[in-house]
Amino acid sequence: MRIVSGSCRGRVINPPKSLKARPTTDFAKENIFNVLANNYDFEELDILDLFSGTGSISYEFASRGAKSVVSVEKDPIHSSFIRQCAAALKLTAVMAIKTNVFLYIKSCKSQYDIIFADPPYDLPEVDTMPDLILNADMLKEDGLLILEHSKDKDFSTHPRFVSKRAYGSVNFSMFE
């Protein structure tokens, strides 16, 4: 796993084998960030990374200069890894929060420019994630929700669906 661009470009992250996360592939990450780079000035953005896993997406946003990146991950080993890795990379914008994503969404009082959610593909609540997040008033006006999911899911009929990008087996649906 590597950081594609920004101040940490090319840095390789080697999560321990004990981490059970499925990181977004470098190919998919590079492509979705190219799309975002054409539409956003990262230095102005507050980011929320839900189901952070290894922290790969958080590091990418922070490396590109995001104002703040909140990484939510319930697994204590993963959360600790994110904290340690962000510190080693000197990515001070990253704040790792060890909690259940669903509890975080219920209690969140902050708003974000981009919310990136990468739940386990087999999570039963995947189909409800867009409504759960969008109805929680966590997205700033003109904000974007990016949901990573398997090719089996289709969110194109959702009223706030904007577009879908597929990179190999990785799919991103975007909502405003």
Foldseek 3Di string as FASTA:
>chain_A
DAQCDAQRHPDDDDDDPPQPDDDDDPQVLVVVVVVVVVPDQLLDWAEEEEQCRQVNNVVNSLRSNHQAYEYEHQDPVSLVNNVVVCVVVVSVRYDYDHDHRLVCLQPDPEATQEYEYEDPQPPPCLVVVVVSNVVSRRYDVNHKYKYKYFPVDDPPVPPFWDDWDDDPRIIITMGD
